[in-house]
C-alpha atoms as a PDB file:
ATOM      1  CA  MET A   1     179.440 101.837 -16.921  1.00  0.00           C
ATOM      2  CA  GLU A   2     180.981  98.514 -17.754  1.00  0.00           C
ATOM      3  CA  SER A   3     182.683  97.835 -21.049  1.00  0.00           C
ATOM      4  CA  SER A   4     181.314  95.114 -23.297  1.00  0.00           C
ATOM      5  CA  GLN A   5     184.707  93.400 -23.039  1.00  0.00           C
ATOM      6  CA  HIS A   6     184.013  92.637 -19.372  1.00  0.00           C
ATOM      7  CA  ALA A   7     180.382  91.710 -19.937  1.00  0.00           C
ATOM      8  CA  ASP A   8     181.356  89.225 -22.662  1.00  0.00           C
ATOM      9  CA  ARG A   9     183.470  87.226 -20.212  1.00  0.00           C
ATOM     10  CA  ARG A  10     180.663  86.707 -17.721  1.00  0.00           C
ATOM     11  CA  GLN A  11     179.544  83.173 -17.098  1.00  0.00           C
ATOM     12  CA  GLY A  12     176.364  82.311 -15.298  1.00  0.00           C
ATOM     13  CA  LEU A  13     173.602  84.341 -13.762  1.00  0.00           C
ATOM     14  CA  ARG A  14     174.605  87.406 -11.734  1.00  0.00           C
ATOM     15  CA  VAL A  15     172.721  88.841  -8.807  1.00  0.00           C
ATOM     16  CA  ARG A  16     173.033  92.464  -7.737  1.00  0.00           C
ATOM     17  CA  ALA A  17     174.336  92.479  -4.177  1.00  0.00           C
ATOM     18  CA  GLU A  18     175.345  96.020  -3.115  1.00  0.00           C
ATOM     19  CA  THR A  19     176.477  94.853   0.314  1.00  0.00           C
ATOM     20  CA  ALA A  20     179.584  94.886   2.481  1.00  0.00           C
ATOM     21  CA  ALA A  21     182.252  92.226   1.972  1.00  0.00           C
ATOM     22  CA  ARG A  22     185.930  91.890   2.885  1.00  0.00           C
ATOM     23  CA  LEU A  23     189.166  91.280   1.044  1.00  0.00           C
ATOM     24  CA  VAL A  24     191.889  89.531   3.011  1.00  0.00           C
ATOM     25  CA  ARG A  25     195.500  90.544   2.471  1.00  0.00           C
ATOM     26  CA  HIS A  26     198.320  89.098   4.595  1.00  0.00           C
ATOM     27  CA  GLY A  27     195.707  87.869   7.065  1.00  0.00           C
ATOM     28  CA  HIS A  28     194.142  91.321   7.527  1.00  0.00           C
ATOM     29  CA  PRO A  29     190.579  91.892   6.342  1.00  0.00           C
ATOM     30  CA  ARG A  30     189.868  95.092   4.387  1.00  0.00           C
ATOM     31  CA  ALA A  31     186.386  96.404   3.794  1.00  0.00           C
ATOM     32  CA  CYS A  32     185.036  96.458   0.258  1.00  0.00           C
ATOM     33  CA  ARG A  33     181.666  96.531  -1.483  1.00  0.00           C
ATOM     34  CA  LEU A  34     180.215  93.475  -3.198  1.00  0.00           C
ATOM     35  CA  VAL A  35     178.508  94.990  -6.252  1.00  0.00           C
ATOM     36  CA  ASP A  36     177.324  91.787  -7.894  1.00  0.00           C
ATOM     37  CA  LEU A  37     177.914  88.079  -7.582  1.00  0.00           C
ATOM     38  CA  SER A  38     177.715  84.936  -9.691  1.00  0.00           C
ATOM     39  CA  ALA A  39     178.734  81.353  -9.041  1.00  0.00           C
ATOM     40  CA  THR A  40     181.990  82.004 -10.916  1.00  0.00           C
ATOM     41  CA  GLY A  41     183.006  85.481  -9.760  1.00  0.00           C
ATOM     42  CA  ALA A  42     182.126  88.903  -8.434  1.00  0.00           C
ATOM     43  CA  ARG A  43     182.472  92.601  -9.005  1.00  0.00           C
ATOM     44  CA  LEU A  44     184.007  94.360  -6.012  1.00  0.00           C
ATOM     45  CA  ARG A  45     184.422  98.062  -5.265  1.00  0.00           C
ATOM     46  CA  THR A  46     187.436  98.907  -3.126  1.00  0.00           C
ATOM     47  CA  GLU A  47     189.940 101.635  -2.403  1.00  0.00           C
ATOM     48  CA  HIS A  48     192.584  98.938  -1.871  1.00  0.00           C
ATOM     49  CA  MET A  49     193.856  98.314  -5.368  1.00  0.00           C
ATOM     50  CA  ASP A  50     197.188  96.947  -4.160  1.00  0.00           C
ATOM     51  CA  LEU A  51     195.737  93.449  -4.072  1.00  0.00           C
ATOM     52  CA  PRO A  52     197.736  90.410  -5.037  1.00  0.00           C
ATOM     53  CA  ILE A  53     196.425  88.569  -8.075  1.00  0.00           C
ATOM     54  CA  VAL A  54     195.022  85.749  -5.893  1.00  0.00           C
ATOM     55  CA  HIS A  55     193.530  86.505  -2.485  1.00  0.00           C
ATOM     56  CA  PRO A  56     190.677  85.419  -0.212  1.00  0.00           C
ATOM     57  CA  VAL A  57     187.340  87.236  -0.326  1.00  0.00           C
ATOM     58  CA  GLU A  58     184.830  87.013   2.524  1.00  0.00           C
ATOM     59  CA  LEU A  59     181.240  87.129   1.315  1.00  0.00           C
ATOM     60  CA  PRO A  60     178.310  87.832   3.653  1.00  0.00           C
ATOM     61  CA  THR A  61     175.838  85.034   4.302  1.00  0.00           C
ATOM     62  CA  GLU A  62     172.411  84.983   5.876  1.00  0.00           C
ATOM     63  CA  HIS A  63     173.823  82.883   8.738  1.00  0.00           C
ATOM     64  CA  GLY A  64     176.246  85.614   9.847  1.00  0.00           C
ATOM     65  CA  GLU A  65     179.459  83.629   9.339  1.00  0.00           C
ATOM     66  CA  PRO A  66     181.190  84.932   6.190  1.00  0.00           C
ATOM     67  CA  LEU A  67     181.965  82.574   3.335  1.00  0.00           C
ATOM     68  CA  ARG A  68     185.682  82.737   2.520  1.00  0.00           C
ATOM     69  CA  VAL A  69     186.650  81.848  -1.037  1.00  0.00           C
ATOM     70  CA  SER A  70     189.874  82.230  -3.012  1.00  0.00           C
ATOM     71  CA  ALA A  71     189.600  84.688  -5.888  1.00  0.00           C
ATOM     72  CA  ARG A  72     191.803  85.870  -8.741  1.00  0.00           C
ATOM     73  CA  VAL A  73     191.656  89.456 -10.010  1.00  0.00           C
ATOM     74  CA  VAL A  74     190.815  89.346 -13.734  1.00  0.00           C
ATOM     75  CA  TRP A  75     190.205  93.055 -14.399  1.00  0.00           C
ATOM     76  CA  ARG A  76     190.377  96.461 -12.745  1.00  0.00           C
ATOM     77  CA  LEU A  77     188.586  99.657 -13.698  1.00  0.00           C
ATOM     78  CA  GLY A  78     188.746 102.636 -11.361  1.00  0.00           C
ATOM     79  CA  ALA A  79     187.673 101.521  -7.888  1.00  0.00           C
ATOM     80  CA  ASP A  80     186.088  98.327  -9.259  1.00  0.00           C
ATOM     81  CA  CYS A  81     187.689  94.978  -9.881  1.00  0.00           C
ATOM     82  CA  GLY A  82     186.378  91.725 -11.242  1.00  0.00           C
ATOM     83  CA  VAL A  83     187.391  88.514  -9.542  1.00  0.00           C
ATOM     84  CA  LYS A  84     187.037  84.921 -10.640  1.00  0.00           C
ATOM     85  CA  PHE A  85     186.627  82.331  -7.907  1.00  0.00           C
ATOM     86  CA  CYS A  86     189.466  79.825  -8.023  1.00  0.00           C
ATOM     87  CA  GLY A  87     189.002  77.878  -4.813  1.00  0.00           C
ATOM     88  CA  SER A  88     188.038  74.278  -4.297  1.00  0.00           C
ATOM     89  CA  ASP A  89     184.931  72.678  -5.772  1.00  0.00           C
ATOM     90  CA  ALA A  90     183.376  72.859  -2.296  1.00  0.00           C
ATOM     91  CA  GLU A  91     184.016  76.634  -2.120  1.00  0.00           C
ATOM     92  CA  ARG A  92     182.497  77.165  -5.545  1.00  0.00           C
ATOM     93  CA  LEU A  93     179.454  75.079  -4.576  1.00  0.00           C
ATOM     94  CA  ASP A  94     179.036  77.244  -1.459  1.00  0.00           C
ATOM     95  CA  VAL A  95     179.143  80.369  -3.642  1.00  0.00           C
ATOM     96  CA  ALA A  96     176.552  78.900  -6.026  1.00  0.00           C
ATOM     97  CA  GLU A  97     174.272  78.184  -3.057  1.00  0.00           C
ATOM     98  CA  LEU A  98     174.782  81.756  -1.810  1.00  0.00           C
ATOM     99  CA  VAL A  99     173.839  83.150  -5.246  1.00  0.00           C
ATOM    100  CA  ASP A 100     170.750  80.937  -5.282  1.00  0.00           C
ATOM    101  CA  ALA A 101     169.698  82.162  -1.821  1.00  0.00           C
ATOM    102  CA  MET A 102     170.194  85.805  -2.861  1.00  0.00           C
ATOM    103  CA  LEU A 103     168.088  85.265  -6.003  1.00  0.00           C
ATOM    104  CA  ARG A 104     165.299  83.676  -3.954  1.00  0.00           C
ATOM    105  CA  ARG A 105     165.313  86.645  -1.524  1.00  0.00           C
ATOM    106  CA  ALA A 106     165.263  89.137  -4.420  1.00  0.00           C
ATOM    107  CA  ARG A 107     162.221  87.426  -5.955  1.00  0.00           C
ATOM    108  CA  ALA A 108     160.303  87.184  -2.672  1.00  0.00           C
END
């Protein structure tokens, strides 16, 4: 269960993802689970808690090519961590479009 402290920081609509994603550390991708996603950040589940504060995250897309976006760890709780996207405006727009596509699929 998530504490209200984390929930209070959320900005924007979140979509439940429950899909594979990857964290990139020193150029090496590591598997993780994308629990949920918003245009501003994500909740990830990973065994690799030795992450630097800022690192790339690769998010799955419907086109097969992952979307790579810079993210900053803002909280950790057990195997979960919350990240805030801190990449370029273009990266954040790509994430917003991905969230929109996931919401459309969920409603279909």
